[in-house]
Amino acid sequence: MTLELTDLEACFEGVVPSIISTADADGIPNISYLSHVVMVDDRHVALSNQFFAKTAANIRLNPQATLLLVDGRNGLQFRLALVFAYALEEGPLFEHTSLQLDASSAQVGMTGIMKLRNLDVFRVTKIEPIRSPVETTESLAPKRNRLAGVARIVEAIAAETEADRIVDVMLESIRTEFCFEHALLLQFYEERNQLVTIGSLGFQPSGIGSDVPLGEGVIGAAAASGRLVKVSDMSRVRRFGAAIRDSALSENRTRSIPLPGMPDAMSQIAVPLVAGGTVRGVLFLESRERRAFTAEDEVALSIVARQAAVALALGEKLSLETGSHRVAPAEHSASEQMIRVVHHSFDDSVFVDGDYVIKGIAGRLLVSMLEQHLANGTLEFTNREIRLDAALKLPEFKDNLETRLLLLRRRLDEKQLPIRLVRLGRGRIGIRIEGRLRLRKDMA
């Protein structure tokens, strides 16, 4: 059987380093390990050029090379005969490879050091398997109909118009259709230049409210570039944020919620949510399996992420309307329990009975509702009224009010506090306070 490059898909995941052999004009050989080999099309591969000056020099003198690829699933090896075609210093392929390299570098504390200089593109003239002295058993993943699964997920997301349902339906559908058990959905908030977790699957604690700076790690890189970022073997790199999570101080002291993660994760993928040409968030998944996310998964998750981005954007617009159907809010509790709320104005952080809840615009939203309740007993609010409140200082463009309310509601629920938010229908939100409220504003 004649082998094609597409048959070697698993060899391009970077699980096992590849080896390139070149020779100078006098035939003196040189061998180097490669961190990234990319399949360009069915006849070409691209090799990353970072530190290998001797390899690069040899190629310019003698354009022929031999490449050894290893299948990360089963150890099968393949020898490719190459002829140098051209070099790339820009363009989509160069940018994609550079992004993957930058993300991997950040994982090991080498941000900006392993910089991609250029990509050397080679024409493949021959592919031959290398017989192993050890018998190997190929591990075949079960056939999965990703196209049918994507269709069902997209249909489920399109049926929803409220942010909480869109988020929950997407994550749960990823679990049932794709069998991925750990995922996060993060919304991008421009005023903070951060991504904030608004949806969580499979993590305890959930990490709702945790944030990632734009451009940091695989999540931040996906958001900054608008491109998918994937790591297929975490044993080769130190996981993003692990040291931070392992040594994290309490939320109360840091006003920071740790990003959840699997200590034994082997694969990660971050998929940007793009709508109208704008990155609105990132879908992030982890797995304990090496090479858990295939090229087919990349396409499937990208389609799901784009549908979610469009649905969330539509939900924001619909929330400007106030639905005719309304769920009656609960009556104010007659409990005599004292609820002590402290608001720190310098970062708009809010503490309830000594527990840190949230900060930023979501913190201002909560305090505004509590102030209105103390002033006139208000228990119900509309999105339109909230948006007209100049004191909240909502962003004029793309305020993401629905996802901010979702974030706040889920944080209050997760903390099991005597203050809760409830959905009362489209464009309506209610507040439940189970006790006597005391609000102190710290202006320092």
Protein backbone atom coordinates (compact mmCIF):
# COMPACT_ATOMS: atom_id res chain seq x y z
CA MET A 1 0.00 0.00 0.00
CA THR A 2 1.34 3.43 -0.95
CA LEU A 3 1.53 5.75 2.04
CA GLU A 4 0.26 9.32 1.88
CA LEU A 5 1.05 12.19 4.24
CA THR A 6 -2.55 12.13 5.42
CA ASP A 7 -1.95 8.59 6.71
CA LEU A 8 0.68 10.01 9.07
CA GLU A 9 -1.57 12.52 10.85
CA ALA A 10 -0.59 11.34 14.34
CA CYS A 11 3.10 11.97 13.57
CA PHE A 12 2.52 15.72 13.32
CA GLU A 13 1.15 16.17 16.85
CA GLY A 14 4.57 16.70 18.44
CA VAL A 15 4.15 13.85 20.95
CA VAL A 16 7.51 12.35 19.91
CA PRO A 17 10.23 14.66 18.51
CA SER A 18 11.12 14.20 14.85
CA ILE A 19 14.68 13.87 13.54
CA ILE A 20 16.11 15.51 10.43
CA SER A 21 19.31 14.45 8.73
CA THR A 22 21.14 16.80 6.36
CA ALA A 23 24.59 16.97 4.78
CA ASP A 24 26.82 19.83 3.73
CA ALA A 25 28.39 20.30 0.31
CA ASP A 26 31.13 17.78 1.20
CA GLY A 27 28.62 15.15 2.31
CA ILE A 28 29.36 15.49 6.05
CA PRO A 29 26.09 14.61 7.83
CA ASN A 30 24.30 16.47 10.62
CA ILE A 31 21.35 15.26 12.71
CA SER A 32 18.96 17.49 14.70
CA TYR A 33 15.77 17.03 16.69
CA LEU A 34 12.73 19.06 15.64
CA SER A 35 10.02 20.39 17.92
CA HIS A 36 7.51 21.13 15.16
CA VAL A 37 6.81 19.43 11.85
CA VAL A 38 3.70 20.63 10.02
CA MET A 39 1.85 18.95 7.18
CA VAL A 40 1.28 21.71 4.61
CA ASP A 41 -0.66 19.64 2.07
CA ASP A 42 -0.56 16.11 0.68
CA ARG A 43 2.91 16.67 -0.84
CA HIS A 44 4.69 19.13 1.45
CA VAL A 45 5.84 19.43 5.07
CA ALA A 46 7.19 22.46 6.91
CA LEU A 47 9.95 22.33 9.53
CA SER A 48 10.36 24.97 12.21
CA ASN A 49 13.69 26.80 12.16
CA GLN A 50 14.60 28.16 15.60
CA PHE A 51 18.12 27.28 16.69
CA PHE A 52 19.42 24.87 14.05
CA ALA A 53 21.93 27.03 12.19
CA LYS A 54 23.90 24.02 10.93
CA THR A 55 20.76 22.32 9.56
CA ALA A 56 19.66 25.53 7.85
CA ALA A 57 23.10 26.08 6.36
CA ASN A 58 23.26 22.51 5.06
CA ILE A 59 19.87 22.84 3.39
CA ARG A 60 21.05 25.91 1.48
CA LEU A 61 24.13 24.01 0.30
CA ASN A 62 22.45 20.65 -0.29
CA PRO A 63 18.65 20.83 -0.65
CA GLN A 64 18.01 17.16 0.13
CA ALA A 65 17.18 15.85 3.60
CA THR A 66 15.79 12.80 5.39
CA LEU A 67 13.11 13.12 8.04
CA LEU A 68 12.19 10.51 10.67
CA LEU A 69 8.63 10.72 12.01
CA VAL A 70 7.19 8.74 14.92
CA ASP A 71 3.50 7.96 15.46
CA GLY A 72 2.71 9.04 19.02
CA ARG A 73 -0.02 6.41 19.38
CA ASN A 74 1.97 3.27 18.71
CA GLY A 75 5.62 4.11 18.08
CA LEU A 76 5.53 3.29 14.35
CA GLN A 77 8.29 5.08 12.45
CA PHE A 78 8.40 6.51 8.95
CA ARG A 79 11.28 7.80 6.84
CA LEU A 80 10.58 10.66 4.45
CA ALA A 81 12.86 11.78 1.64
CA LEU A 82 12.68 15.57 1.27
CA VAL A 83 13.73 18.22 -1.20
CA PHE A 84 13.83 21.86 -0.06
CA ALA A 85 11.16 23.96 -1.80
CA TYR A 86 11.03 27.41 -0.18
CA ALA A 87 11.16 29.31 3.14
CA LEU A 88 8.32 31.19 4.83
CA GLU A 89 8.70 34.21 7.10
CA GLU A 90 5.06 35.30 7.12
CA GLY A 91 1.59 34.21 6.16
CA PRO A 92 -1.15 32.06 7.77
CA LEU A 93 0.94 28.88 8.05
CA PHE A 94 3.88 30.75 9.58
CA GLU A 95 1.60 32.59 12.04
CA HIS A 96 -0.17 29.39 13.08
CA THR A 97 3.10 27.54 13.72
CA SER A 98 4.58 30.52 15.54
CA LEU A 99 1.52 30.68 17.78
CA GLN A 100 1.79 27.00 18.69
CA LEU A 101 5.47 27.44 19.46
CA ASP A 102 4.87 30.54 21.59
CA ALA A 103 2.19 28.73 23.59
CA SER A 104 4.48 25.76 24.22
CA SER A 105 7.32 28.09 25.19
CA ALA A 106 5.11 29.86 27.73
CA GLN A 107 4.36 26.50 29.33
CA VAL A 108 8.04 26.02 30.21
CA GLY A 109 8.82 29.59 31.20
CA MET A 110 10.62 30.44 27.95
CA THR A 111 8.28 33.09 26.55
CA GLY A 112 9.97 34.97 23.72
CA ILE A 113 13.08 32.72 23.72
CA MET A 114 12.02 29.93 21.35
CA LYS A 115 11.11 32.39 18.62
CA LEU A 116 10.25 31.03 15.20
CA ARG A 117 12.64 32.49 12.63
CA ASN A 118 11.12 30.92 9.57
CA LEU A 119 9.55 27.76 8.22
CA ASP A 120 11.44 25.62 5.72
CA VAL A 121 8.96 23.94 3.38
CA PHE A 122 10.00 20.66 1.73
CA ARG A 123 8.51 18.55 -1.03
CA VAL A 124 8.11 14.91 0.02
CA THR A 125 9.45 12.58 -2.67
CA LYS A 126 9.17 9.27 -0.80
CA ILE A 127 7.55 7.81 2.33
CA GLU A 128 8.58 4.42 3.66
CA PRO A 129 7.74 2.66 6.94
CA ILE A 130 10.64 1.50 9.11
CA ARG A 131 10.32 -2.04 10.37
CA SER A 132 10.59 -2.17 14.14
CA PRO A 133 12.54 -4.97 15.88
CA VAL A 134 9.79 -4.92 18.51
CA GLU A 135 6.25 -6.03 17.66
CA THR A 136 3.83 -3.10 18.05
CA THR A 137 0.08 -3.17 18.36
CA GLU A 138 -1.62 -0.23 16.76
CA SER A 139 -4.07 1.51 19.06
CA LEU A 140 -7.03 2.49 16.95
CA ALA A 141 -9.46 5.05 18.28
CA PRO A 142 -13.11 4.19 17.77
CA LYS A 143 -14.67 5.73 14.71
CA ARG A 144 -16.63 8.83 15.64
CA ASN A 145 -19.11 10.64 13.43
CA ARG A 146 -18.10 14.16 14.37
CA LEU A 147 -20.20 15.72 11.61
CA ALA A 148 -23.44 14.28 13.01
CA GLY A 149 -22.41 15.28 16.53
CA VAL A 150 -21.65 18.84 15.45
CA ALA A 151 -25.04 19.09 13.75
CA ARG A 152 -26.82 18.05 16.96
CA ILE A 153 -24.81 20.46 19.11
CA VAL A 154 -25.35 23.40 16.75
CA GLU A 155 -29.07 22.66 16.62
CA ALA A 156 -29.25 22.55 20.43
CA ILE A 157 -27.37 25.84 20.82
CA ALA A 158 -29.45 27.57 18.13
CA ALA A 159 -32.63 26.68 20.04
CA GLU A 160 -31.52 28.79 23.03
CA THR A 161 -31.59 32.59 23.44
CA GLU A 162 -30.43 33.09 27.04
CA ALA A 163 -26.76 33.08 28.02
CA ASP A 164 -27.02 30.50 30.81
CA ARG A 165 -28.81 27.99 28.61
CA ILE A 166 -26.44 28.55 25.68
CA VAL A 167 -23.41 27.91 27.89
CA ASP A 168 -24.88 24.87 29.64
CA VAL A 169 -26.23 23.27 26.47
CA MET A 170 -22.92 23.69 24.66
CA LEU A 171 -20.79 22.19 27.45
CA GLU A 172 -23.16 19.33 28.19
CA SER A 173 -23.47 18.53 24.47
CA ILE A 174 -19.68 18.41 24.16
CA ARG A 175 -19.72 15.82 26.93
CA THR A 176 -22.49 13.67 25.45
CA GLU A 177 -21.55 13.97 21.76
CA PHE A 178 -17.74 14.09 21.93
CA CYS A 179 -17.12 12.34 25.29
CA PHE A 180 -14.86 15.14 26.56
CA GLU A 181 -15.34 15.47 30.31
CA HIS A 182 -13.45 18.66 31.23
CA ALA A 183 -14.09 22.04 29.64
CA LEU A 184 -14.27 25.74 30.41
CA LEU A 185 -15.96 28.59 28.60
CA LEU A 186 -14.33 31.99 29.10
CA GLN A 187 -15.76 35.36 28.07
CA PHE A 188 -13.43 38.14 26.95
CA TYR A 189 -13.90 41.44 28.81
CA GLU A 190 -12.06 44.24 27.07
CA GLU A 191 -12.01 46.67 30.00
CA ARG A 192 -9.96 44.14 31.99
CA ASN A 193 -8.06 42.74 28.99
CA GLN A 194 -8.84 39.34 30.48
CA LEU A 195 -10.87 36.23 29.83
CA VAL A 196 -13.19 35.25 32.67
CA THR A 197 -14.66 31.78 33.22
CA ILE A 198 -18.46 31.78 32.90
CA GLY A 199 -19.04 28.06 32.26
CA SER A 200 -17.40 24.93 33.67
CA LEU A 201 -17.69 21.20 33.00
CA GLY A 202 -16.14 18.45 35.11
CA PHE A 203 -14.09 20.65 37.46
CA GLN A 204 -14.51 20.85 41.25
CA PRO A 205 -14.41 23.63 42.27
CA SER A 206 -15.80 24.97 39.05
CA GLY A 207 -13.51 27.98 38.73
CA ILE A 208 -16.38 30.28 37.76
CA GLY A 209 -14.95 33.80 37.88
CA SER A 210 -11.31 32.74 37.35
CA ASP A 211 -9.47 34.82 34.80
CA VAL A 212 -6.65 34.56 32.25
CA PRO A 213 -4.76 37.60 30.91
CA LEU A 214 -4.97 38.14 27.17
CA GLY A 215 -2.01 36.49 25.47
CA GLU A 216 -1.04 34.23 28.39
CA GLY A 217 -0.89 30.43 28.03
CA VAL A 218 -2.90 28.49 25.47
CA ILE A 219 -6.16 30.22 26.45
CA GLY A 220 -4.77 33.75 26.26
CA ALA A 221 -2.89 32.94 23.05
CA ALA A 222 -6.06 31.68 21.35
CA ALA A 223 -7.90 34.86 22.33
CA ALA A 224 -5.09 37.22 21.29
CA SER A 225 -4.60 35.57 17.90
CA GLY A 226 -8.12 34.43 17.11
CA ARG A 227 -6.65 31.04 16.23
CA LEU A 228 -6.98 27.57 17.72
CA VAL A 229 -4.06 26.50 19.97
CA LYS A 230 -3.39 22.86 20.88
CA VAL A 231 -0.87 20.93 22.97
CA SER A 232 -0.92 17.16 22.41
CA ASP A 233 1.52 15.92 25.05
CA MET A 234 1.70 17.83 28.31
CA SER A 235 4.46 15.55 29.61
CA ARG A 236 6.82 17.53 27.36
CA VAL A 237 5.84 20.91 28.81
CA ARG A 238 4.95 22.31 32.19
CA ARG A 239 1.23 23.01 32.35
CA PHE A 240 0.12 26.63 32.23
CA GLY A 241 -0.75 27.97 35.66
CA ALA A 242 0.07 24.79 37.58
CA ALA A 243 2.57 26.51 39.84
CA ILE A 244 0.12 29.32 40.44
CA ARG A 245 -2.71 26.93 41.31
CA ASP A 246 -0.56 24.77 43.55
CA SER A 247 0.61 27.72 45.64
CA ALA A 248 -2.47 29.88 45.40
CA LEU A 249 -3.50 31.78 48.49
CA SER A 250 -7.13 31.90 49.52
CA GLU A 251 -9.61 33.88 47.44
CA ASN A 252 -10.25 36.15 50.40
CA ARG A 253 -6.63 37.28 50.53
CA THR A 254 -5.92 37.49 46.81
CA ARG A 255 -9.31 38.53 45.39
CA SER A 256 -8.44 35.98 42.73
CA ILE A 257 -10.21 32.74 41.80
CA PRO A 258 -7.83 29.93 40.75
CA LEU A 259 -8.25 28.62 37.22
CA PRO A 260 -9.25 24.96 37.55
CA GLY A 261 -7.20 22.25 35.89
CA MET A 262 -6.44 18.54 35.84
CA PRO A 263 -3.11 17.75 37.54
CA ASP A 264 -2.58 14.79 35.20
CA ALA A 265 -3.78 16.38 31.94
CA MET A 266 -1.88 15.33 28.84
CA SER A 267 -3.73 17.30 26.13
CA GLN A 268 -5.15 20.81 25.95
CA ILE A 269 -6.99 22.72 23.26
CA ALA A 270 -8.19 26.34 23.23
CA VAL A 271 -10.70 27.38 20.57
CA PRO A 272 -11.61 31.06 20.09
CA LEU A 273 -15.27 32.11 19.96
CA VAL A 274 -15.46 34.48 17.00
CA ALA A 275 -18.50 36.43 15.81
CA GLY A 276 -18.51 39.36 13.45
CA GLY A 277 -14.75 39.10 13.14
CA THR A 278 -14.30 39.72 16.88
CA VAL A 279 -13.02 37.28 19.49
CA ARG A 280 -15.66 37.06 22.20
CA GLY A 281 -14.25 34.25 24.30
CA VAL A 282 -12.46 30.90 24.35
CA LEU A 283 -13.61 27.29 24.68
CA PHE A 284 -10.93 25.33 26.56
CA LEU A 285 -10.74 21.54 26.97
CA GLU A 286 -8.36 19.18 28.77
CA SER A 287 -7.89 15.42 28.64
CA ARG A 288 -5.80 12.80 30.41
CA GLU A 289 -5.04 11.17 27.05
CA ARG A 290 -2.12 12.09 24.84
CA ARG A 291 -3.22 13.36 21.45
CA ALA A 292 -6.80 13.49 22.68
CA PHE A 293 -7.84 16.15 20.17
CA THR A 294 -7.53 15.14 16.53
CA ALA A 295 -7.62 17.31 13.43
CA GLU A 296 -11.29 16.31 13.09
CA ASP A 297 -11.92 17.51 16.64
CA GLU A 298 -10.28 20.84 15.82
CA VAL A 299 -12.75 21.43 13.00
CA ALA A 300 -15.74 20.20 15.02
CA LEU A 301 -14.95 22.31 18.09
CA SER A 302 -14.30 25.38 15.92
CA ILE A 303 -17.78 25.09 14.40
CA VAL A 304 -19.36 24.66 17.84
CA ALA A 305 -17.41 27.64 19.23
CA ARG A 306 -18.50 29.91 16.39
CA GLN A 307 -22.14 28.90 16.82
CA ALA A 308 -21.90 29.62 20.55
CA ALA A 309 -20.33 33.03 19.86
CA VAL A 310 -23.16 33.99 17.49
CA ALA A 311 -25.80 32.69 19.90
CA LEU A 312 -24.35 34.62 22.85
CA ALA A 313 -24.14 37.81 20.75
CA LEU A 314 -27.78 37.36 19.70
CA GLY A 315 -28.76 36.72 23.31
CA GLU A 316 -27.21 40.04 24.33
CA LYS A 317 -29.28 41.87 21.72
CA LEU A 318 -32.48 40.09 22.69
CA SER A 319 -31.89 40.96 26.34
CA LEU A 320 -32.50 44.60 25.41
CA GLU A 321 -36.15 43.56 25.15
CA THR A 322 -38.27 42.71 28.16
CA GLY A 323 -40.25 39.53 27.66
CA SER A 324 -43.98 39.50 28.34
CA HIS A 325 -43.75 36.22 30.26
CA ARG A 326 -42.43 36.79 33.75
CA VAL A 327 -41.72 34.46 36.64
CA ALA A 328 -42.78 36.00 39.92
CA PRO A 329 -39.83 36.70 42.25
CA ALA A 330 -39.81 35.23 45.72
CA GLU A 331 -40.92 37.46 48.57
CA HIS A 332 -38.27 39.08 50.69
CA SER A 333 -37.17 36.71 53.48
CA ALA A 334 -38.31 37.44 57.02
CA SER A 335 -35.13 35.88 58.44
CA GLU A 336 -33.33 37.89 61.12
CA GLN A 337 -29.93 36.59 60.04
CA MET A 338 -27.54 39.51 59.56
CA ILE A 339 -25.87 39.61 56.13
CA ARG A 340 -22.76 41.76 56.09
CA VAL A 341 -21.66 42.99 52.68
CA VAL A 342 -18.47 44.97 52.13
CA HIS A 343 -17.69 46.76 48.88
CA HIS A 344 -14.13 47.94 48.14
CA SER A 345 -14.33 50.71 45.58
CA PHE A 346 -10.71 50.56 44.35
CA ASP A 347 -11.35 47.29 42.52
CA ASP A 348 -15.12 46.94 43.08
CA SER A 349 -14.55 43.70 44.98
CA VAL A 350 -17.46 42.44 47.08
CA PHE A 351 -17.32 40.31 50.23
CA VAL A 352 -20.39 38.69 51.80
CA ASP A 353 -20.02 37.60 55.44
CA GLY A 354 -16.24 37.70 54.98
CA ASP A 355 -16.22 35.57 51.79
CA TYR A 356 -14.87 37.04 48.57
CA VAL A 357 -17.49 36.92 45.82
CA ILE A 358 -16.55 38.95 42.75
CA LYS A 359 -14.93 42.17 41.55
CA GLY A 360 -15.03 44.56 38.62
CA ILE A 361 -18.25 45.42 36.80
CA ALA A 362 -20.00 42.31 38.19
CA GLY A 363 -19.19 43.61 41.69
CA ARG A 364 -20.65 47.01 40.86
CA LEU A 365 -23.79 45.33 39.52
CA LEU A 366 -24.35 43.45 42.77
CA VAL A 367 -23.76 46.50 44.95
CA SER A 368 -26.12 48.60 42.82
CA MET A 369 -28.91 46.05 43.26
CA LEU A 370 -28.33 45.87 47.00
CA GLU A 371 -28.35 49.68 47.33
CA GLN A 372 -31.65 49.92 45.45
CA HIS A 373 -33.13 47.20 47.66
CA LEU A 374 -32.05 49.02 50.84
CA ALA A 375 -33.39 52.33 49.49
CA ASN A 376 -36.83 51.22 48.31
CA GLY A 377 -37.17 47.46 48.69
CA THR A 378 -36.56 46.68 45.01
CA LEU A 379 -36.34 42.95 44.25
CA GLU A 380 -36.66 43.01 40.46
CA PHE A 381 -34.59 44.69 37.75
CA THR A 382 -34.60 44.83 33.96
CA ASN A 383 -31.59 44.79 31.69
CA ARG A 384 -32.76 48.03 30.14
CA GLU A 385 -32.82 49.79 33.52
CA ILE A 386 -29.39 48.42 34.38
CA ARG A 387 -27.92 49.65 31.11
CA LEU A 388 -29.32 53.15 31.68
CA ASP A 389 -27.61 53.43 35.08
CA ALA A 390 -24.59 55.64 34.36
CA ALA A 391 -23.10 54.93 37.80
CA LEU A 392 -22.38 51.33 36.71
CA LYS A 393 -19.97 52.57 34.01
CA LEU A 394 -20.81 49.75 31.64
CA PRO A 395 -18.75 49.71 28.44
CA GLU A 396 -20.53 51.72 25.76
CA PHE A 397 -19.78 49.12 23.12
CA LYS A 398 -20.40 45.41 23.72
CA ASP A 399 -21.21 45.59 27.45
CA ASN A 400 -21.74 41.78 27.73
CA LEU A 401 -24.34 42.41 30.43
CA GLU A 402 -25.96 38.98 30.08
CA THR A 403 -22.73 37.08 30.66
CA ARG A 404 -21.77 39.38 33.55
CA LEU A 405 -25.10 38.65 35.24
CA LEU A 406 -24.57 34.95 34.52
CA LEU A 407 -21.11 35.11 36.10
CA LEU A 408 -22.46 36.89 39.19
CA ARG A 409 -25.43 34.54 39.57
CA ARG A 410 -23.24 31.44 39.39
CA ARG A 411 -20.68 32.80 41.85
CA LEU A 412 -23.42 33.51 44.40
CA ASP A 413 -24.89 30.04 43.88
CA GLU A 414 -21.53 28.28 44.15
CA LYS A 415 -20.67 30.10 47.37
CA GLN A 416 -24.14 29.19 48.76
CA LEU A 417 -24.59 32.70 50.08
CA PRO A 418 -27.83 34.20 51.50
CA ILE A 419 -27.94 36.52 48.48
CA ARG A 420 -28.96 34.98 45.14
CA LEU A 421 -29.93 36.17 41.67
CA VAL A 422 -32.77 34.49 39.77
CA ARG A 423 -33.91 34.67 36.17
CA LEU A 424 -37.42 36.12 35.87
CA GLY A 425 -37.70 35.98 32.10
CA ARG A 426 -36.08 37.66 29.12
CA GLY A 427 -34.39 40.89 30.14
CA ARG A 428 -35.42 40.51 33.81
CA ILE A 429 -33.42 39.58 36.89
CA GLY A 430 -34.54 39.17 40.49
CA ILE A 431 -32.63 39.22 43.77
CA ARG A 432 -33.31 37.08 46.84
CA ILE A 433 -31.98 38.18 50.21
CA GLU A 434 -32.42 35.76 53.08
CA GLY A 435 -31.78 37.97 56.08
CA ARG A 436 -31.19 41.55 57.19
CA LEU A 437 -28.78 43.34 54.90
CA ARG A 438 -25.95 45.57 56.08
CA LEU A 439 -23.85 47.16 53.32
CA ARG A 440 -20.57 48.94 54.03
CA LYS A 441 -18.67 50.75 51.28
CA ASP A 442 -14.92 51.01 51.79
CA MET A 443 -13.74 54.04 49.86
CA ALA A 444 -10.05 53.58 50.74
